[in-house]
Amino acid sequence: MSAIEVTLSTSSTYIETLSIKPIKAVPGLTELVITTLLLNAKNPSERHVKTRCFVERAHLTSLGSVINQFLTATSSSDEPQKRYQAMSNDQ
């Protein structure tokens, strides 16, 4: 399986993306990478890694639950929660 990407935020000057991919050499381990494209940079197609971490599958599941709890607790409407659930269901 190749990486799955989702856009975290965008503006007229940057795009921030999260990629998630399994580590083939270590079953159950997942790599999370947040990158930024600086659209006004000399090379606007160059991705800059902001952070990279490795997460066990069980903790990745917990992360999804925590994000859902946060959206539920902070949402004034259920629209963000519906988008997150739709993303979760696609996986």
N, C-alpha and C. Protein backbone atom coordinates (compact mmCIF):
# COMPACT_ATOMS: atom_id res chain seq x y z
N MET A 1 0.85 -1.18 0.00
CA MET A 1 0.00 0.00 0.00
C MET A 1 0.89 1.24 0.00
N SER A 2 0.54 2.20 -0.81
CA SER A 2 1.28 3.46 -0.84
C SER A 2 0.67 4.42 0.19
N ALA A 3 1.26 5.57 0.32
CA ALA A 3 0.81 6.55 1.31
C ALA A 3 -0.58 7.10 0.97
N ILE A 4 -1.32 7.40 2.02
CA ILE A 4 -2.59 8.10 1.90
C ILE A 4 -2.33 9.53 2.36
N GLU A 5 -2.79 10.49 1.59
CA GLU A 5 -2.55 11.90 1.94
C GLU A 5 -3.86 12.64 2.15
N VAL A 6 -3.80 13.61 3.05
CA VAL A 6 -4.93 14.48 3.29
C VAL A 6 -4.39 15.90 3.51
N THR A 7 -5.06 16.87 2.95
CA THR A 7 -4.67 18.26 3.14
C THR A 7 -5.17 18.72 4.50
N LEU A 8 -4.25 19.26 5.30
CA LEU A 8 -4.59 19.76 6.63
C LEU A 8 -5.03 21.21 6.59
N SER A 9 -4.33 22.02 5.81
CA SER A 9 -4.70 23.44 5.68
C SER A 9 -4.08 24.01 4.41
N THR A 10 -4.72 25.07 3.92
CA THR A 10 -4.23 25.75 2.72
C THR A 10 -4.42 27.25 2.87
N SER A 11 -3.61 27.96 2.15
CA SER A 11 -3.78 29.41 2.03
C SER A 11 -3.23 29.80 0.66
N SER A 12 -3.15 31.07 0.41
CA SER A 12 -2.60 31.51 -0.87
C SER A 12 -1.08 31.35 -0.93
N THR A 13 -0.45 31.06 0.22
CA THR A 13 1.01 30.95 0.26
C THR A 13 1.54 29.57 0.62
N TYR A 14 0.70 28.67 1.13
CA TYR A 14 1.19 27.34 1.50
C TYR A 14 0.09 26.29 1.46
N ILE A 15 0.53 25.03 1.41
CA ILE A 15 -0.36 23.87 1.54
C ILE A 15 0.31 22.92 2.53
N GLU A 16 -0.43 22.51 3.53
CA GLU A 16 0.09 21.60 4.55
C GLU A 16 -0.63 20.26 4.39
N THR A 17 0.15 19.17 4.36
CA THR A 17 -0.38 17.85 4.06
C THR A 17 0.09 16.83 5.10
N LEU A 18 -0.79 15.89 5.42
CA LEU A 18 -0.43 14.74 6.26
C LEU A 18 -0.43 13.51 5.38
N SER A 19 0.66 12.74 5.42
CA SER A 19 0.68 11.46 4.72
C SER A 19 0.84 10.35 5.76
N ILE A 20 0.15 9.25 5.48
CA ILE A 20 0.15 8.09 6.37
C ILE A 20 0.49 6.88 5.53
N LYS A 21 1.50 6.12 5.97
CA LYS A 21 1.83 4.90 5.22
C LYS A 21 2.39 3.84 6.16
N PRO A 22 2.12 2.58 5.84
CA PRO A 22 2.65 1.50 6.67
C PRO A 22 4.15 1.35 6.43
N ILE A 23 4.84 0.89 7.47
CA ILE A 23 6.26 0.58 7.36
C ILE A 23 6.35 -0.91 7.05
N LYS A 24 6.74 -1.25 5.84
CA LYS A 24 6.74 -2.65 5.39
C LYS A 24 7.68 -3.52 6.23
N ALA A 25 8.82 -2.97 6.63
CA ALA A 25 9.82 -3.76 7.37
C ALA A 25 9.39 -4.05 8.80
N VAL A 26 8.44 -3.28 9.33
CA VAL A 26 7.98 -3.47 10.71
C VAL A 26 6.45 -3.52 10.70
N PRO A 27 5.88 -4.72 10.61
CA PRO A 27 4.42 -4.83 10.58
C PRO A 27 3.78 -4.17 11.81
N GLY A 28 2.68 -3.45 11.59
CA GLY A 28 1.98 -2.78 12.67
C GLY A 28 2.47 -1.38 12.96
N LEU A 29 3.53 -0.95 12.28
CA LEU A 29 4.07 0.39 12.50
C LEU A 29 3.70 1.27 11.31
N THR A 30 3.29 2.49 11.60
CA THR A 30 2.84 3.44 10.58
C THR A 30 3.66 4.72 10.67
N GLU A 31 3.99 5.28 9.51
CA GLU A 31 4.72 6.54 9.45
C GLU A 31 3.74 7.67 9.17
N LEU A 32 3.79 8.72 9.99
CA LEU A 32 3.00 9.93 9.78
C LEU A 32 3.98 11.05 9.44
N VAL A 33 3.72 11.76 8.35
CA VAL A 33 4.60 12.86 7.93
C VAL A 33 3.74 14.07 7.60
N ILE A 34 4.09 15.20 8.21
CA ILE A 34 3.43 16.47 7.86
C ILE A 34 4.41 17.28 7.05
N THR A 35 3.98 17.66 5.84
CA THR A 35 4.83 18.46 4.95
C THR A 35 4.13 19.76 4.59
N THR A 36 4.94 20.72 4.18
CA THR A 36 4.44 22.02 3.74
C THR A 36 5.00 22.34 2.37
N LEU A 37 4.15 22.82 1.49
CA LEU A 37 4.57 23.39 0.21
C LEU A 37 4.46 24.90 0.36
N LEU A 38 5.57 25.59 0.17
CA LEU A 38 5.58 27.06 0.22
C LEU A 38 5.42 27.57 -1.19
N LEU A 39 4.24 28.05 -1.51
CA LEU A 39 3.89 28.38 -2.89
C LEU A 39 4.64 29.58 -3.45
N ASN A 40 5.20 30.43 -2.58
CA ASN A 40 5.96 31.59 -3.03
C ASN A 40 7.47 31.35 -2.98
N ALA A 41 7.87 30.12 -2.67
CA ALA A 41 9.30 29.81 -2.56
C ALA A 41 9.94 29.74 -3.94
N LYS A 42 11.27 29.71 -3.94
CA LYS A 42 12.02 29.60 -5.18
C LYS A 42 11.60 28.34 -5.95
N ASN A 43 11.39 27.25 -5.20
CA ASN A 43 10.92 25.99 -5.79
C ASN A 43 9.60 25.63 -5.11
N PRO A 44 8.48 26.10 -5.64
CA PRO A 44 7.19 25.90 -4.97
C PRO A 44 6.69 24.45 -4.94
N SER A 45 7.33 23.55 -5.68
CA SER A 45 6.91 22.15 -5.66
C SER A 45 7.72 21.32 -4.66
N GLU A 46 8.68 21.95 -3.99
CA GLU A 46 9.51 21.25 -3.00
C GLU A 46 8.77 21.14 -1.67
N ARG A 47 8.64 19.90 -1.20
CA ARG A 47 7.96 19.67 0.09
C ARG A 47 8.97 19.82 1.22
N HIS A 48 8.56 20.52 2.27
CA HIS A 48 9.37 20.68 3.46
C HIS A 48 8.75 19.86 4.58
N VAL A 49 9.52 18.92 5.13
CA VAL A 49 9.00 18.07 6.20
C VAL A 49 9.00 18.86 7.50
N LYS A 50 7.81 19.01 8.08
CA LYS A 50 7.68 19.69 9.36
C LYS A 50 7.89 18.71 10.50
N THR A 51 7.33 17.50 10.35
CA THR A 51 7.50 16.48 11.38
C THR A 51 7.28 15.10 10.78
N ARG A 52 7.94 14.13 11.38
CA ARG A 52 7.80 12.74 10.98
C ARG A 52 7.79 11.92 12.26
N CYS A 53 6.83 11.02 12.37
CA CYS A 53 6.81 10.14 13.54
C CYS A 53 6.30 8.77 13.13
N PHE A 54 6.59 7.80 13.98
CA PHE A 54 6.19 6.43 13.75
C PHE A 54 5.24 6.02 14.86
N VAL A 55 4.09 5.47 14.48
CA VAL A 55 3.02 5.19 15.42
C VAL A 55 2.58 3.74 15.24
N GLU A 56 2.44 3.03 16.37
CA GLU A 56 1.90 1.66 16.31
C GLU A 56 0.43 1.72 15.94
N ARG A 57 -0.03 0.68 15.27
CA ARG A 57 -1.41 0.65 14.77
C ARG A 57 -2.44 0.88 15.89
N ALA A 58 -2.23 0.26 17.05
CA ALA A 58 -3.17 0.43 18.17
C ALA A 58 -3.25 1.89 18.59
N HIS A 59 -2.12 2.58 18.59
CA HIS A 59 -2.12 3.99 18.97
C HIS A 59 -2.72 4.86 17.87
N LEU A 60 -2.59 4.43 16.63
CA LEU A 60 -3.22 5.15 15.52
C LEU A 60 -4.74 5.09 15.66
N THR A 61 -5.24 3.95 16.07
CA THR A 61 -6.68 3.80 16.33
C THR A 61 -7.11 4.73 17.46
N SER A 62 -6.31 4.79 18.52
CA SER A 62 -6.61 5.69 19.65
C SER A 62 -6.60 7.14 19.19
N LEU A 63 -5.66 7.49 18.33
CA LEU A 63 -5.58 8.85 17.81
C LEU A 63 -6.87 9.22 17.07
N GLY A 64 -7.37 8.29 16.26
CA GLY A 64 -8.63 8.53 15.56
C GLY A 64 -9.78 8.77 16.53
N SER A 65 -9.82 8.00 17.61
CA SER A 65 -10.87 8.18 18.61
C SER A 65 -10.76 9.53 19.31
N VAL A 66 -9.53 9.93 19.63
CA VAL A 66 -9.31 11.21 20.30
C VAL A 66 -9.71 12.37 19.38
N ILE A 67 -9.38 12.28 18.11
CA ILE A 67 -9.76 13.33 17.16
C ILE A 67 -11.29 13.42 17.09
N ASN A 68 -11.96 12.28 17.05
CA ASN A 68 -13.41 12.28 17.01
C ASN A 68 -14.00 12.89 18.28
N GLN A 69 -13.43 12.56 19.45
CA GLN A 69 -13.89 13.16 20.71
C GLN A 69 -13.71 14.67 20.70
N PHE A 70 -12.56 15.13 20.20
CA PHE A 70 -12.29 16.56 20.12
C PHE A 70 -13.30 17.26 19.23
N LEU A 71 -13.57 16.67 18.06
CA LEU A 71 -14.53 17.28 17.14
C LEU A 71 -15.92 17.34 17.76
N THR A 72 -16.30 16.30 18.47
CA THR A 72 -17.60 16.26 19.12
C THR A 72 -17.69 17.33 20.21
N ALA A 73 -16.63 17.45 21.00
CA ALA A 73 -16.62 18.39 22.13
C ALA A 73 -16.55 19.85 21.70
N THR A 74 -15.93 20.12 20.55
CA THR A 74 -15.70 21.52 20.16
C THR A 74 -16.57 21.98 19.00
N SER A 75 -17.37 21.11 18.44
CA SER A 75 -18.15 21.46 17.26
C SER A 75 -19.43 22.19 17.64
N SER A 76 -19.69 23.30 16.94
CA SER A 76 -20.97 23.98 17.12
C SER A 76 -22.02 23.38 16.19
N SER A 77 -21.54 22.62 15.19
CA SER A 77 -22.44 21.86 14.33
C SER A 77 -21.79 20.50 14.14
N ASP A 78 -22.49 19.59 13.51
CA ASP A 78 -21.91 18.27 13.32
C ASP A 78 -21.20 18.12 11.98
N GLU A 79 -21.04 19.18 11.23
CA GLU A 79 -20.41 19.09 9.91
C GLU A 79 -18.96 18.61 9.98
N PRO A 80 -18.07 19.18 10.83
CA PRO A 80 -16.70 18.67 10.88
C PRO A 80 -16.66 17.19 11.28
N GLN A 81 -17.51 16.79 12.20
CA GLN A 81 -17.53 15.40 12.63
C GLN A 81 -17.94 14.49 11.47
N LYS A 82 -18.91 14.92 10.67
CA LYS A 82 -19.33 14.11 9.52
C LYS A 82 -18.18 13.94 8.53
N ARG A 83 -17.40 15.02 8.30
CA ARG A 83 -16.26 14.92 7.39
C ARG A 83 -15.23 13.95 7.92
N TYR A 84 -14.93 14.01 9.24
CA TYR A 84 -13.95 13.10 9.83
C TYR A 84 -14.45 11.66 9.73
N GLN A 85 -15.72 11.43 10.04
CA GLN A 85 -16.26 10.08 9.95
C GLN A 85 -16.22 9.56 8.53
N ALA A 86 -16.47 10.42 7.56
CA ALA A 86 -16.40 10.01 6.16
C ALA A 86 -14.98 9.61 5.79
N MET A 87 -13.98 10.38 6.28
CA MET A 87 -12.58 10.03 6.04
C MET A 87 -12.25 8.69 6.69
N SER A 88 -12.73 8.47 7.91
CA SER A 88 -12.47 7.23 8.64
C SER A 88 -13.08 6.04 7.92
N ASN A 89 -14.28 6.23 7.37
CA ASN A 89 -14.97 5.14 6.69
C ASN A 89 -14.30 4.77 5.37
N ASP A 90 -13.56 5.70 4.77
CA ASP A 90 -12.88 5.43 3.50
C ASP A 90 -11.69 4.49 3.69
N GLN A 91 -11.20 4.39 4.91
CA GLN A 91 -9.99 3.58 5.17
C GLN A 91 -10.29 2.16 5.38
